[in-house]
Amino acid sequence: MFAFAIIQDEFVSLPPVVPRGPVALLGLGAGTAAHMMLEVWPWIQLIGWEIDPTIIELSRDYFGMSNLEKTTELGGSLSVRIGDALSPSATVEGGFAGVVVDLFADGKVLPQLQEAETWVEIAKKLMPDGRIMVNCGGADTPVSLAADTGVSSWVQNPTIKALCSAFPGQLNWKRLSEKESVNYVALTSPLPDLEEWSTSLPSELSPRVKQWVPCELA
């Protein structure tokens, strides 16, 4: 088993809590998340959007993305789309089982993701019972790694605030800390059964899902 990355391992944990069906990767990049998801879930059908064709070319030539585009024995594969991940055309008939959002520019979350309306539109791309998982980036202001995981922490992240506004009572979050940095990740819809979720995952990921908590304003 490979070593998991701190953000991508969260994305790998998504398939057990969504229906069977295609999963969108909005912000494909070099395909790290796709590589990890297909290794753990070789049946999964991924559709990834990347706006920069040069990144796709380099990833195919040097990072093995072309291998991900080949269908596995269990039917999984990555289908690459070059274009705007937030475009209305970035969808499939019947909707996505899950949407993974990892959209950054110059090291910062895209400003559109700090608007509730953007998330309402992304949610329209889901099939029934589908979920969105989001790399929300860091906080607006410095956060102590020793700080608790209460409201005082997540409200400093504008993307989570927008998500909470778009999905009141239907959002979960967790904070990831590595050395001196803090990062947030969010998951839409009611909080899954954490015990069932944990047992469905590889041992490297199993304990981490228990850190998810509902996003509450009080």
C-alpha atoms as a PDB file:
ATOM      1  CA  MET A   1       0.000   0.000   0.000  1.00  0.00           C
ATOM      2  CA  PHE A   2       1.297   3.440  -0.876  1.00  0.00           C
ATOM      3  CA  ALA A   3       1.712   6.310   1.562  1.00  0.00           C
ATOM      4  CA  PHE A   4      -1.360   8.526   1.629  1.00  0.00           C
ATOM      5  CA  ALA A   5      -1.161  12.267   1.104  1.00  0.00           C
ATOM      6  CA  ILE A   6      -2.846  14.472   3.651  1.00  0.00           C
ATOM      7  CA  ILE A   7      -5.534  15.920   1.347  1.00  0.00           C
ATOM      8  CA  GLN A   8      -5.913  13.205  -1.257  1.00  0.00           C
ATOM      9  CA  ASP A   9      -6.502  10.524   1.357  1.00  0.00           C
ATOM     10  CA  GLU A  10      -9.689  12.353   2.299  1.00  0.00           C
ATOM     11  CA  PHE A  11     -10.880  12.074  -1.286  1.00  0.00           C
ATOM     12  CA  VAL A  12     -10.073   8.346  -1.294  1.00  0.00           C
ATOM     13  CA  SER A  13     -12.476   7.901   1.629  1.00  0.00           C
ATOM     14  CA  LEU A  14     -15.485   9.238  -0.330  1.00  0.00           C
ATOM     15  CA  PRO A  15     -16.724   6.212  -2.373  1.00  0.00           C
ATOM     16  CA  PRO A  16     -18.143   4.182   0.568  1.00  0.00           C
ATOM     17  CA  VAL A  17     -20.547   7.008   1.507  1.00  0.00           C
ATOM     18  CA  VAL A  18     -21.944   7.767  -1.955  1.00  0.00           C
ATOM     19  CA  PRO A  19     -24.023   5.665  -4.390  1.00  0.00           C
ATOM     20  CA  ARG A  20     -22.359   3.633  -7.115  1.00  0.00           C
ATOM     21  CA  GLY A  21     -21.847   5.870 -10.109  1.00  0.00           C
ATOM     22  CA  PRO A  22     -19.401   8.292 -11.723  1.00  0.00           C
ATOM     23  CA  VAL A  23     -17.376  10.588  -9.480  1.00  0.00           C
ATOM     24  CA  ALA A  24     -16.260  14.006 -10.708  1.00  0.00           C
ATOM     25  CA  LEU A  25     -12.861  15.459  -9.872  1.00  0.00           C
ATOM     26  CA  LEU A  26     -13.113  19.222 -10.306  1.00  0.00           C
ATOM     27  CA  GLY A  27      -9.481  20.284 -10.394  1.00  0.00           C
ATOM     28  CA  LEU A  28      -7.720  17.167 -11.670  1.00  0.00           C
ATOM     29  CA  GLY A  29      -4.203  18.590 -11.659  1.00  0.00           C
ATOM     30  CA  ALA A  30      -1.559  15.908 -12.153  1.00  0.00           C
ATOM     31  CA  GLY A  31      -4.026  13.182 -11.196  1.00  0.00           C
ATOM     32  CA  THR A  32      -2.763  12.323  -7.706  1.00  0.00           C
ATOM     33  CA  ALA A  33      -6.252  11.885  -6.265  1.00  0.00           C
ATOM     34  CA  ALA A  34      -7.367   9.870  -9.299  1.00  0.00           C
ATOM     35  CA  HIS A  35      -4.349   7.580  -8.982  1.00  0.00           C
ATOM     36  CA  MET A  36      -5.032   6.916  -5.313  1.00  0.00           C
ATOM     37  CA  MET A  37      -8.780   6.434  -5.743  1.00  0.00           C
ATOM     38  CA  LEU A  38      -8.346   3.916  -8.557  1.00  0.00           C
ATOM     39  CA  GLU A  39      -5.748   1.987  -6.591  1.00  0.00           C
ATOM     40  CA  VAL A  40      -8.088   1.576  -3.623  1.00  0.00           C
ATOM     41  CA  TRP A  41     -11.339   1.364  -5.616  1.00  0.00           C
ATOM     42  CA  PRO A  42     -10.400  -0.145  -9.022  1.00  0.00           C
ATOM     43  CA  TRP A  43     -14.061  -0.252 -10.085  1.00  0.00           C
ATOM     44  CA  ILE A  44     -14.619   3.496  -9.774  1.00  0.00           C
ATOM     45  CA  GLN A  45     -15.398   5.619 -12.815  1.00  0.00           C
ATOM     46  CA  LEU A  46     -13.739   9.018 -12.496  1.00  0.00           C
ATOM     47  CA  ILE A  47     -14.253  12.053 -14.700  1.00  0.00           C
ATOM     48  CA  GLY A  48     -11.692  14.774 -14.097  1.00  0.00           C
ATOM     49  CA  TRP A  49     -11.718  18.394 -15.226  1.00  0.00           C
ATOM     50  CA  GLU A  50      -8.518  20.411 -15.635  1.00  0.00           C
ATOM     51  CA  ILE A  51      -8.417  23.838 -17.245  1.00  0.00           C
ATOM     52  CA  ASP A  52      -4.723  23.733 -18.211  1.00  0.00           C
ATOM     53  CA  PRO A  53      -3.994  21.363 -21.130  1.00  0.00           C
ATOM     54  CA  THR A  54      -0.259  21.598 -20.475  1.00  0.00           C
ATOM     55  CA  ILE A  55      -0.723  19.985 -17.069  1.00  0.00           C
ATOM     56  CA  ILE A  56      -2.588  17.110 -18.686  1.00  0.00           C
ATOM     57  CA  GLU A  57       0.104  16.636 -21.336  1.00  0.00           C
ATOM     58  CA  LEU A  58       2.880  16.567 -18.743  1.00  0.00           C
ATOM     59  CA  SER A  59       0.895  14.264 -16.465  1.00  0.00           C
ATOM     60  CA  ARG A  60       0.330  11.800 -19.279  1.00  0.00           C
ATOM     61  CA  ASP A  61       3.994  11.868 -20.263  1.00  0.00           C
ATOM     62  CA  TYR A  62       5.642  11.821 -16.836  1.00  0.00           C
ATOM     63  CA  PHE A  63       3.151  10.967 -14.076  1.00  0.00           C
ATOM     64  CA  GLY A  64       1.307   7.968 -15.456  1.00  0.00           C
ATOM     65  CA  MET A  65      -2.032   9.628 -16.120  1.00  0.00           C
ATOM     66  CA  SER A  66      -2.376   7.786 -19.432  1.00  0.00           C
ATOM     67  CA  ASN A  67      -2.417   4.509 -17.483  1.00  0.00           C
ATOM     68  CA  LEU A  68      -5.347   5.764 -15.426  1.00  0.00           C
ATOM     69  CA  GLU A  69      -7.288   6.353 -18.633  1.00  0.00           C
ATOM     70  CA  LYS A  70      -7.167   2.631 -19.411  1.00  0.00           C
ATOM     71  CA  THR A  71     -10.066   0.572 -18.075  1.00  0.00           C
ATOM     72  CA  THR A  72      -9.150  -1.713 -15.168  1.00  0.00           C
ATOM     73  CA  GLU A  73     -10.230  -5.349 -14.917  1.00  0.00           C
ATOM     74  CA  LEU A  74     -13.055  -4.216 -12.630  1.00  0.00           C
ATOM     75  CA  GLY A  75     -14.235  -1.494 -15.002  1.00  0.00           C
ATOM     76  CA  GLY A  76     -12.726   1.582 -13.390  1.00  0.00           C
ATOM     77  CA  SER A  77     -10.991   4.368 -15.279  1.00  0.00           C
ATOM     78  CA  LEU A  78     -10.271   8.080 -15.465  1.00  0.00           C
ATOM     79  CA  SER A  79     -11.854  10.129 -18.230  1.00  0.00           C
ATOM     80  CA  VAL A  80     -10.134  13.496 -18.721  1.00  0.00           C
ATOM     81  CA  ARG A  81     -11.960  16.681 -19.668  1.00  0.00           C
ATOM     82  CA  ILE A  82     -10.044  19.871 -20.474  1.00  0.00           C
ATOM     83  CA  GLY A  83     -12.067  22.936 -19.607  1.00  0.00           C
ATOM     84  CA  ASP A  84     -13.735  24.956 -16.865  1.00  0.00           C
ATOM     85  CA  ALA A  85     -14.723  22.677 -13.987  1.00  0.00           C
ATOM     86  CA  LEU A  86     -17.407  25.150 -12.898  1.00  0.00           C
ATOM     87  CA  SER A  87     -19.057  25.303 -16.309  1.00  0.00           C
ATOM     88  CA  PRO A  88     -22.678  24.083 -16.527  1.00  0.00           C
ATOM     89  CA  SER A  89     -21.437  21.604 -19.138  1.00  0.00           C
ATOM     90  CA  ALA A  90     -19.233  19.855 -16.557  1.00  0.00           C
ATOM     91  CA  THR A  91     -21.821  17.193 -15.817  1.00  0.00           C
ATOM     92  CA  VAL A  92     -23.104  13.782 -16.907  1.00  0.00           C
ATOM     93  CA  GLU A  93     -26.539  12.391 -17.627  1.00  0.00           C
ATOM     94  CA  GLY A  94     -28.074  11.075 -14.428  1.00  0.00           C
ATOM     95  CA  GLY A  95     -25.715  13.063 -12.225  1.00  0.00           C
ATOM     96  CA  PHE A  96     -22.588  12.259 -10.260  1.00  0.00           C
ATOM     97  CA  ALA A  97     -22.485   9.962  -7.255  1.00  0.00           C
ATOM     98  CA  GLY A  98     -19.857  12.271  -5.820  1.00  0.00           C
ATOM     99  CA  VAL A  99     -18.090  15.496  -6.694  1.00  0.00           C
ATOM    100  CA  VAL A 100     -14.583  16.186  -5.389  1.00  0.00           C
ATOM    101  CA  VAL A 101     -13.665  19.875  -5.521  1.00  0.00           C
ATOM    102  CA  ASP A 102      -9.974  20.811  -5.383  1.00  0.00           C
ATOM    103  CA  LEU A 103      -9.834  24.127  -7.228  1.00  0.00           C
ATOM    104  CA  PHE A 104      -6.969  26.524  -6.540  1.00  0.00           C
ATOM    105  CA  ALA A 105      -5.199  29.328  -8.374  1.00  0.00           C
ATOM    106  CA  ASP A 106      -1.911  30.813  -7.177  1.00  0.00           C
ATOM    107  CA  GLY A 107      -2.144  28.680  -4.060  1.00  0.00           C
ATOM    108  CA  LYS A 108      -5.559  30.006  -3.042  1.00  0.00           C
ATOM    109  CA  VAL A 109      -9.071  28.591  -3.277  1.00  0.00           C
ATOM    110  CA  LEU A 110     -10.943  30.032  -6.252  1.00  0.00           C
ATOM    111  CA  PRO A 111     -12.993  33.055  -5.126  1.00  0.00           C
ATOM    112  CA  GLN A 112     -16.131  31.573  -6.708  1.00  0.00           C
ATOM    113  CA  LEU A 113     -16.016  28.841  -4.061  1.00  0.00           C
ATOM    114  CA  GLN A 114     -16.535  31.446  -1.367  1.00  0.00           C
ATOM    115  CA  GLU A 115     -20.023  32.153  -2.722  1.00  0.00           C
ATOM    116  CA  ALA A 116     -23.006  30.028  -1.667  1.00  0.00           C
ATOM    117  CA  GLU A 117     -24.554  30.281  -5.140  1.00  0.00           C
ATOM    118  CA  THR A 118     -21.618  28.370  -6.635  1.00  0.00           C
ATOM    119  CA  TRP A 119     -22.262  25.430  -4.331  1.00  0.00           C
ATOM    120  CA  VAL A 120     -25.962  25.395  -5.082  1.00  0.00           C
ATOM    121  CA  GLU A 121     -25.091  25.019  -8.767  1.00  0.00           C
ATOM    122  CA  ILE A 122     -22.539  22.268  -8.121  1.00  0.00           C
ATOM    123  CA  ALA A 123     -25.105  20.364  -6.053  1.00  0.00           C
ATOM    124  CA  LYS A 124     -27.384  20.251  -9.095  1.00  0.00           C
ATOM    125  CA  LYS A 125     -24.808  17.979 -10.749  1.00  0.00           C
ATOM    126  CA  LEU A 126     -25.384  15.219  -8.160  1.00  0.00           C
ATOM    127  CA  MET A 127     -27.586  12.154  -8.420  1.00  0.00           C
ATOM    128  CA  PRO A 128     -29.933  11.463  -5.460  1.00  0.00           C
ATOM    129  CA  ASP A 129     -27.949  10.816  -2.257  1.00  0.00           C
ATOM    130  CA  GLY A 130     -24.761  12.094  -3.882  1.00  0.00           C
ATOM    131  CA  ARG A 131     -22.242  14.149  -1.906  1.00  0.00           C
ATOM    132  CA  ILE A 132     -19.673  16.876  -2.480  1.00  0.00           C
ATOM    133  CA  MET A 133     -16.251  16.697  -0.800  1.00  0.00           C
ATOM    134  CA  VAL A 134     -14.185  19.875  -0.815  1.00  0.00           C
ATOM    135  CA  ASN A 135     -10.608  20.918  -0.176  1.00  0.00           C
ATOM    136  CA  CYS A 136     -11.400  24.233   1.514  1.00  0.00           C
ATOM    137  CA  GLY A 137      -7.845  25.470   1.967  1.00  0.00           C
ATOM    138  CA  GLY A 138      -6.687  27.230   5.111  1.00  0.00           C
ATOM    139  CA  ALA A 139      -8.029  29.965   7.346  1.00  0.00           C
ATOM    140  CA  ASP A 140      -8.298  33.699   6.708  1.00  0.00           C
ATOM    141  CA  THR A 141      -6.379  34.330   9.918  1.00  0.00           C
ATOM    142  CA  PRO A 142      -3.716  32.242  11.680  1.00  0.00           C
ATOM    143  CA  VAL A 143      -5.079  29.266  13.627  1.00  0.00           C
ATOM    144  CA  SER A 144      -3.171  27.541  16.405  1.00  0.00           C
ATOM    145  CA  LEU A 145      -2.605  23.849  15.763  1.00  0.00           C
ATOM    146  CA  ALA A 146      -3.542  23.329  19.400  1.00  0.00           C
ATOM    147  CA  ALA A 147      -6.869  25.117  18.984  1.00  0.00           C
ATOM    148  CA  ASP A 148     -10.028  23.096  19.411  1.00  0.00           C
ATOM    149  CA  THR A 149     -12.214  22.053  16.507  1.00  0.00           C
ATOM    150  CA  GLY A 150     -15.151  24.251  17.441  1.00  0.00           C
ATOM    151  CA  VAL A 151     -16.951  27.019  15.594  1.00  0.00           C
ATOM    152  CA  SER A 152     -14.136  29.460  16.387  1.00  0.00           C
ATOM    153  CA  SER A 153     -11.917  27.422  14.084  1.00  0.00           C
ATOM    154  CA  TRP A 154     -13.994  26.733  10.964  1.00  0.00           C
ATOM    155  CA  VAL A 155     -15.633  30.174  10.758  1.00  0.00           C
ATOM    156  CA  GLN A 156     -12.222  31.520   9.789  1.00  0.00           C
ATOM    157  CA  ASN A 157     -12.474  29.627   6.496  1.00  0.00           C
ATOM    158  CA  PRO A 158     -14.590  31.507   3.912  1.00  0.00           C
ATOM    159  CA  THR A 159     -15.221  28.423   1.778  1.00  0.00           C
ATOM    160  CA  ILE A 160     -16.741  26.504   4.680  1.00  0.00           C
ATOM    161  CA  LYS A 161     -18.833  29.536   5.560  1.00  0.00           C
ATOM    162  CA  ALA A 162     -20.210  29.604   2.008  1.00  0.00           C
ATOM    163  CA  LEU A 163     -20.892  25.861   2.104  1.00  0.00           C
ATOM    164  CA  CYS A 164     -22.653  26.144   5.449  1.00  0.00           C
ATOM    165  CA  SER A 165     -24.853  28.867   3.991  1.00  0.00           C
ATOM    166  CA  ALA A 166     -25.642  26.789   0.901  1.00  0.00           C
ATOM    167  CA  PHE A 167     -26.345  23.586   2.857  1.00  0.00           C
ATOM    168  CA  PRO A 168     -27.673  24.542   6.317  1.00  0.00           C
ATOM    169  CA  GLY A 169     -27.724  21.525   8.597  1.00  0.00           C
ATOM    170  CA  GLN A 170     -26.296  19.387   5.774  1.00  0.00           C
ATOM    171  CA  LEU A 171     -22.547  20.010   6.054  1.00  0.00           C
ATOM    172  CA  ASN A 172     -19.698  18.293   7.865  1.00  0.00           C
ATOM    173  CA  TRP A 173     -16.104  19.351   8.256  1.00  0.00           C
ATOM    174  CA  LYS A 174     -12.727  18.411   9.647  1.00  0.00           C
ATOM    175  CA  ARG A 175      -9.433  20.166  10.132  1.00  0.00           C
ATOM    176  CA  LEU A 176      -6.154  18.727   8.895  1.00  0.00           C
ATOM    177  CA  SER A 177      -2.904  19.842  10.478  1.00  0.00           C
ATOM    178  CA  GLU A 178       0.566  19.180   9.124  1.00  0.00           C
ATOM    179  CA  LYS A 179       3.578  20.851  10.712  1.00  0.00           C
ATOM    180  CA  GLU A 180       2.717  24.557  10.770  1.00  0.00           C
ATOM    181  CA  SER A 181      -0.161  24.530   8.297  1.00  0.00           C
ATOM    182  CA  VAL A 182      -3.878  24.048   8.801  1.00  0.00           C
ATOM    183  CA  ASN A 183      -6.260  22.892   6.103  1.00  0.00           C
ATOM    184  CA  TYR A 184      -9.992  22.271   6.082  1.00  0.00           C
ATOM    185  CA  VAL A 185     -12.101  19.744   4.208  1.00  0.00           C
ATOM    186  CA  ALA A 186     -15.899  19.601   3.981  1.00  0.00           C
ATOM    187  CA  LEU A 187     -18.521  16.974   3.108  1.00  0.00           C
ATOM    188  CA  THR A 188     -22.146  17.648   2.220  1.00  0.00           C
ATOM    189  CA  SER A 189     -25.299  15.784   3.349  1.00  0.00           C
ATOM    190  CA  PRO A 190     -25.926  14.296   6.809  1.00  0.00           C
ATOM    191  CA  LEU A 191     -22.939  12.896   8.691  1.00  0.00           C
ATOM    192  CA  PRO A 192     -22.463   9.223   7.740  1.00  0.00           C
ATOM    193  CA  ASP A 193     -22.316   6.466  10.334  1.00  0.00           C
ATOM    194  CA  LEU A 194     -18.668   6.878  11.267  1.00  0.00           C
ATOM    195  CA  GLU A 195     -18.200   3.307  12.487  1.00  0.00           C
ATOM    196  CA  GLU A 196     -19.541   1.818   9.258  1.00  0.00           C
ATOM    197  CA  TRP A 197     -17.534   4.277   7.202  1.00  0.00           C
ATOM    198  CA  SER A 198     -14.372   3.488   9.126  1.00  0.00           C
ATOM    199  CA  THR A 199     -14.658  -0.273   8.673  1.00  0.00           C
ATOM    200  CA  SER A 200     -15.126   0.117   4.907  1.00  0.00           C
ATOM    201  CA  LEU A 201     -11.740   1.797   4.442  1.00  0.00           C
ATOM    202  CA  PRO A 202      -8.096   0.671   4.303  1.00  0.00           C
ATOM    203  CA  SER A 203      -6.404   0.646   7.703  1.00  0.00           C
ATOM    204  CA  GLU A 204      -4.382   3.755   6.830  1.00  0.00           C
ATOM    205  CA  LEU A 205      -7.577   5.765   6.417  1.00  0.00           C
ATOM    206  CA  SER A 206      -9.934   4.096   8.857  1.00  0.00           C
ATOM    207  CA  PRO A 207      -9.215   6.184  11.991  1.00  0.00           C
ATOM    208  CA  ARG A 208      -9.316   9.504  10.166  1.00  0.00           C
ATOM    209  CA  VAL A 209     -12.987   9.511   9.218  1.00  0.00           C
ATOM    210  CA  LYS A 210     -13.898   9.587  12.910  1.00  0.00           C
ATOM    211  CA  GLN A 211     -12.668  13.190  13.002  1.00  0.00           C
ATOM    212  CA  TRP A 212     -15.616  14.405  10.914  1.00  0.00           C
ATOM    213  CA  VAL A 213     -18.163  16.546  12.780  1.00  0.00           C
ATOM    214  CA  PRO A 214     -21.327  18.402  11.718  1.00  0.00           C
ATOM    215  CA  CYS A 215     -20.957  22.071  10.859  1.00  0.00           C
ATOM    216  CA  GLU A 216     -23.016  23.849  13.498  1.00  0.00           C
ATOM    217  CA  LEU A 217     -23.380  27.527  14.271  1.00  0.00           C
ATOM    218  CA  ALA A 218     -23.958  27.003  17.975  1.00  0.00           C
END
